[in-house]
N, C-alpha and C. Protein backbone atom coordinates (compact mmCIF):
# COMPACT_ATOMS: atom_id res chain seq x y z
N UNK A 1 0.91 -0.98 0.15
CA UNK A 1 -0.02 -0.01 0.06
C UNK A 1 0.94 1.18 -0.03
N UNK A 2 0.50 2.05 -0.94
CA UNK A 2 1.29 3.38 -0.89
C UNK A 2 0.58 4.46 -0.48
N UNK A 3 1.09 5.20 0.39
CA UNK A 3 0.43 6.61 1.03
C UNK A 3 1.79 7.58 1.32
N UNK A 4 1.72 8.57 0.58
CA UNK A 4 3.05 9.48 0.71
C UNK A 4 2.54 10.76 1.08
N UNK A 5 1.28 11.16 1.27
CA UNK A 5 0.97 12.53 1.40
C UNK A 5 1.34 13.37 0.15
N UNK A 6 1.31 12.82 -1.06
CA UNK A 6 1.56 13.48 -2.23
C UNK A 6 3.23 13.75 -2.40
N UNK A 7 4.00 13.30 -1.70
CA UNK A 7 5.43 13.63 -1.79
C UNK A 7 5.94 12.30 -2.09
N UNK A 8 6.45 12.07 -3.65
CA UNK A 8 6.89 10.79 -3.95
C UNK A 8 6.00 9.83 -4.49
N UNK A 9 4.83 10.15 -4.61
CA UNK A 9 3.75 9.14 -4.82
C UNK A 9 4.08 8.30 -6.33
N UNK A 10 4.57 8.68 -7.18
CA UNK A 10 5.02 8.11 -8.34
C UNK A 10 6.28 7.12 -8.09
N UNK A 11 7.50 7.70 -7.35
CA UNK A 11 8.43 6.89 -7.00
C UNK A 11 7.96 5.67 -6.38
N UNK A 12 7.15 5.88 -5.28
CA UNK A 12 6.85 4.91 -4.43
C UNK A 12 5.95 3.88 -5.15
N UNK A 13 5.16 4.29 -6.18
CA UNK A 13 4.53 3.35 -6.72
C UNK A 13 5.21 2.42 -7.57
N UNK A 14 6.25 2.95 -8.31
CA UNK A 14 7.32 2.24 -9.09
C UNK A 14 7.88 1.22 -8.27
N UNK A 15 8.13 1.54 -7.24
CA UNK A 15 8.96 0.63 -6.23
C UNK A 15 7.85 -0.61 -5.80
N UNK A 16 6.66 -0.10 -5.38
CA UNK A 16 5.70 -1.08 -4.93
C UNK A 16 5.39 -2.12 -5.82
N UNK A 17 5.35 -1.84 -7.24
CA UNK A 17 4.79 -2.69 -8.13
C UNK A 17 5.88 -3.94 -8.50
N UNK A 18 7.25 -3.49 -8.06
CA UNK A 18 8.34 -4.57 -8.32
C UNK A 18 8.35 -5.58 -7.30
N UNK A 19 7.47 -5.29 -6.22
CA UNK A 19 7.37 -6.42 -5.09
C UNK A 19 6.19 -7.37 -5.50
N UNK A 20 6.54 -8.73 -5.33
CA UNK A 20 5.53 -9.66 -5.80
C UNK A 20 4.56 -9.74 -4.29
N UNK A 21 3.49 -9.17 -4.75
CA UNK A 21 2.50 -8.93 -3.53
C UNK A 21 1.01 -9.47 -4.15
N UNK A 22 0.19 -9.93 -3.24
CA UNK A 22 -1.22 -10.10 -3.78
C UNK A 22 -2.02 -8.91 -3.85
N UNK A 23 -1.69 -7.81 -3.30
CA UNK A 23 -2.46 -6.66 -3.19
C UNK A 23 -1.54 -5.32 -3.31
N UNK A 24 -1.76 -4.50 -4.30
CA UNK A 24 -1.17 -3.22 -4.38
C UNK A 24 -2.22 -2.19 -4.26
N UNK A 25 -2.06 -1.16 -3.58
CA UNK A 25 -3.04 -0.10 -3.49
C UNK A 25 -2.23 1.25 -3.35
N UNK A 26 -3.09 2.28 -3.74
CA UNK A 26 -2.65 3.66 -3.58
C UNK A 26 -3.81 4.44 -2.81
N UNK A 27 -3.32 5.09 -1.71
CA UNK A 27 -4.21 5.88 -1.02
C UNK A 27 -4.21 7.33 -1.44
N UNK A 28 -5.15 7.75 -2.17
CA UNK A 28 -5.33 9.14 -2.78
C UNK A 28 -6.58 9.25 -3.64
N UNK A 29 -6.69 10.29 -4.20
CA UNK A 29 -8.14 10.52 -4.86
C UNK A 29 -8.16 9.77 -6.09
N UNK A 30 -9.36 9.60 -6.84
CA UNK A 30 -9.42 8.89 -8.05
C UNK A 30 -8.68 9.84 -9.20
N UNK A 31 -8.96 11.23 -8.83
CA UNK A 31 -8.29 12.13 -9.89
C UNK A 31 -6.57 11.95 -9.90
N UNK A 32 -6.07 11.87 -8.68
CA UNK A 32 -4.66 11.78 -8.55
C UNK A 32 -4.11 10.49 -9.05
N UNK A 33 -4.98 9.40 -8.59
CA UNK A 33 -4.66 7.89 -9.14
C UNK A 33 -4.63 7.88 -10.72
N UNK A 34 -5.59 8.62 -11.47
CA UNK A 34 -5.66 8.56 -12.82
C UNK A 34 -4.41 9.05 -13.40
N UNK A 35 -3.96 10.33 -12.83
CA UNK A 35 -2.93 11.05 -13.33
C UNK A 35 -1.59 10.24 -13.09
N UNK A 36 -1.46 9.65 -12.01
CA UNK A 36 -0.28 8.77 -11.69
C UNK A 36 -0.24 7.51 -12.75
N UNK A 37 -1.42 7.04 -12.88
CA UNK A 37 -1.50 5.88 -13.91
C UNK A 37 -0.91 6.15 -15.33
N UNK A 38 -1.31 7.45 -15.63
CA UNK A 38 -0.96 7.98 -16.98
C UNK A 38 0.60 8.06 -17.01
N UNK A 39 1.11 8.63 -15.88
CA UNK A 39 2.51 8.80 -15.71
C UNK A 39 3.39 7.56 -15.83
N UNK A 40 2.80 6.56 -14.90
CA UNK A 40 3.58 5.30 -14.94
C UNK A 40 3.74 4.54 -16.26
N UNK A 41 2.49 4.51 -17.09
CA UNK A 41 2.41 3.98 -18.49
C UNK A 41 3.31 4.88 -19.25
N UNK A 42 3.31 6.10 -19.30
CA UNK A 42 4.11 6.86 -20.16
C UNK A 42 5.48 6.71 -19.84
N UNK A 43 5.91 6.35 -18.65
CA UNK A 43 7.37 6.07 -18.34
C UNK A 43 7.87 4.75 -18.65
N UNK A 44 6.82 3.94 -19.11
CA UNK A 44 7.24 2.61 -19.70
C UNK A 44 6.73 1.51 -18.78
N UNK A 45 6.12 1.60 -17.81
CA UNK A 45 5.65 0.51 -17.05
C UNK A 45 4.48 -0.18 -17.74
N UNK A 46 4.42 -1.65 -17.67
CA UNK A 46 3.45 -2.39 -18.20
C UNK A 46 2.08 -2.09 -17.95
N UNK A 47 1.30 -1.87 -18.71
CA UNK A 47 -0.26 -1.55 -18.45
C UNK A 47 -0.82 -2.57 -17.43
N UNK A 48 -0.66 -3.84 -17.63
CA UNK A 48 -1.24 -4.84 -16.70
C UNK A 48 -0.72 -4.53 -15.47
N UNK A 49 0.55 -4.34 -15.34
CA UNK A 49 1.14 -4.13 -14.00
C UNK A 49 0.54 -2.98 -13.26
N UNK A 50 0.39 -1.93 -14.02
CA UNK A 50 -0.17 -0.63 -13.39
C UNK A 50 -1.48 -1.01 -12.97
N UNK A 51 -2.44 -1.55 -13.92
CA UNK A 51 -3.70 -1.90 -13.43
C UNK A 51 -3.99 -2.77 -12.40
N UNK A 52 -2.98 -3.51 -12.08
CA UNK A 52 -3.17 -4.21 -10.79
C UNK A 52 -3.23 -3.53 -9.40
N UNK A 53 -2.85 -2.10 -9.58
CA UNK A 53 -2.74 -1.20 -8.40
C UNK A 53 -4.26 -0.83 -8.06
N UNK A 54 -4.73 -1.14 -7.09
CA UNK A 54 -6.16 -0.86 -6.59
C UNK A 54 -6.12 0.81 -6.16
N UNK A 55 -6.72 1.66 -6.96
CA UNK A 55 -6.73 3.18 -6.54
C UNK A 55 -7.96 3.73 -6.90
N UNK A 56 -8.39 4.32 -6.13
CA UNK A 56 -8.05 4.71 -4.70
C UNK A 56 -8.16 3.28 -3.72
N UNK A 57 -7.34 3.16 -2.90
CA UNK A 57 -7.37 2.02 -1.89
C UNK A 57 -8.73 2.25 -0.97
N UNK A 58 -9.34 1.09 -0.57
CA UNK A 58 -10.48 1.00 0.50
C UNK A 58 -11.62 0.62 -0.56
N UNK A 59 -12.53 0.15 0.43
CA UNK A 59 -14.04 -0.08 -0.24
C UNK A 59 -14.58 1.31 -0.14
N UNK A 60 -15.81 1.14 -1.04
CA UNK A 60 -16.48 2.51 -1.39
C UNK A 60 -17.76 2.66 -0.50
N UNK A 61 -17.73 2.95 0.83
CA UNK A 61 -18.78 3.11 1.55
C UNK A 61 -19.30 4.57 1.60
N UNK A 62 -19.00 5.50 0.68
CA UNK A 62 -18.87 6.76 0.82
C UNK A 62 -18.32 7.57 1.83
N UNK A 63 -17.11 7.12 2.32
CA UNK A 63 -16.42 7.76 3.28
C UNK A 63 -15.79 9.05 2.90
N UNK A 64 -15.99 9.71 3.95
CA UNK A 64 -15.59 11.45 3.72
C UNK A 64 -14.60 11.72 4.72
N UNK A 65 -14.74 11.40 6.08
CA UNK A 65 -13.58 11.92 6.96
C UNK A 65 -12.52 11.05 6.87
N UNK A 66 -11.23 11.57 7.39
CA UNK A 66 -10.03 10.70 7.42
C UNK A 66 -10.30 9.27 8.12
N UNK A 67 -11.09 9.34 9.12
CA UNK A 67 -11.48 8.12 10.01
C UNK A 67 -12.22 7.14 9.30
N UNK A 68 -13.03 7.56 8.63
CA UNK A 68 -13.91 6.69 7.80
C UNK A 68 -13.19 6.09 6.59
N UNK A 69 -12.31 7.04 5.93
CA UNK A 69 -11.43 6.55 4.91
C UNK A 69 -10.50 5.38 5.48
N UNK A 70 -9.86 5.61 6.51
CA UNK A 70 -9.02 4.72 7.09
C UNK A 70 -9.83 3.34 7.32
N UNK A 71 -11.03 3.55 7.81
CA UNK A 71 -11.67 2.15 8.13
C UNK A 71 -11.97 1.48 6.83
N UNK A 72 -12.41 2.22 5.73
CA UNK A 72 -12.59 1.60 4.51
C UNK A 72 -11.44 0.85 3.96
N UNK A 73 -10.11 1.45 4.14
CA UNK A 73 -8.93 0.84 3.59
C UNK A 73 -8.63 -0.27 4.59
N UNK A 74 -8.96 -0.31 5.81
CA UNK A 74 -8.54 -1.50 6.78
C UNK A 74 -9.49 -2.57 6.31
N UNK A 75 -10.84 -2.33 6.04
CA UNK A 75 -11.64 -3.27 5.88
C UNK A 75 -11.34 -4.05 4.39
N UNK A 76 -10.91 -3.26 3.39
CA UNK A 76 -10.45 -3.93 2.11
C UNK A 76 -9.33 -4.78 2.34
N UNK A 77 -8.39 -4.32 3.11
CA UNK A 77 -7.15 -4.89 3.44
C UNK A 77 -7.48 -6.31 4.04
N UNK A 78 -8.41 -6.25 5.09
CA UNK A 78 -8.79 -7.33 5.74
C UNK A 78 -9.48 -8.46 4.83
N UNK A 79 -10.35 -7.85 3.78
CA UNK A 79 -10.86 -8.74 3.13
C UNK A 79 -9.80 -9.44 1.93
N UNK A 80 -8.81 -8.78 1.59
CA UNK A 80 -7.77 -9.29 0.80
C UNK A 80 -7.07 -10.21 1.60
N UNK A 81 -6.59 -9.71 2.72
CA UNK A 81 -5.86 -10.73 3.77
C UNK A 81 -6.57 -12.13 3.86
N UNK A 82 -7.74 -12.12 3.98
CA UNK A 82 -8.49 -13.37 4.45
C UNK A 82 -9.14 -13.97 3.16
N UNK A 83 -8.92 -13.50 2.03
CA UNK A 83 -9.68 -14.10 0.84
C UNK A 83 -9.31 -15.54 0.76
N UNK A 84 -10.21 -16.54 0.35
CA UNK A 84 -10.13 -17.83 0.24
C UNK A 84 -9.75 -18.59 1.70
N UNK A 85 -9.93 -17.90 2.94
CA UNK A 85 -9.57 -18.61 4.13
C UNK A 85 -11.12 -19.14 4.87
N UNK A 86 -12.10 -18.60 4.17
CA UNK A 86 -13.29 -19.07 4.79
C UNK A 86 -14.31 -19.45 3.62
N UNK A 87 -15.01 -20.65 3.93
CA UNK A 87 -15.95 -21.19 2.69
C UNK A 87 -17.04 -20.24 2.58
N UNK A 88 -17.49 -19.85 1.53
CA UNK A 88 -18.92 -19.06 1.33
C UNK A 88 -18.56 -17.65 1.38
N UNK A 89 -19.61 -17.19 1.13
CA UNK A 89 -19.83 -15.55 1.32
C UNK A 89 -19.82 -15.00 2.67
N UNK A 90 -18.86 -14.07 3.00
CA UNK A 90 -18.95 -13.52 4.39
C UNK A 90 -20.31 -12.89 4.76
N UNK A 91 -21.11 -12.54 3.87
CA UNK A 91 -22.41 -12.18 4.22
C UNK A 91 -23.51 -13.24 4.51
N UNK A 92 -23.17 -14.36 4.08
CA UNK A 92 -24.18 -15.52 4.19
C UNK A 92 -24.43 -15.73 5.56
N UNK A 93 -25.66 -16.22 6.05
CA UNK A 93 -26.02 -16.42 7.12
C UNK A 93 -25.45 -17.98 7.62
N UNK A 94 -25.24 -18.19 8.92
CA UNK A 94 -24.65 -19.32 9.21
C UNK A 94 -25.51 -20.49 9.45
């Protein structure tokens, strides 16, 4: 996950995609993510590699406050971390 507060986003993402991980994400706005995607592709990174970056990071529950955004990111991270560890849908009744 990359979150640089706007300082070094592009460099951090370049490094992040070189790591063999099941989940790559960028914490930032949709607009900033789109601009960074264009820059990374223009710089020669493989489109498929760039498209693996989840941007913006987090589920989309309509979060607005920093606390809500943080919770949506942690929820998505938990889903990714636990993917395949439980049988069935997590919303299914017991």
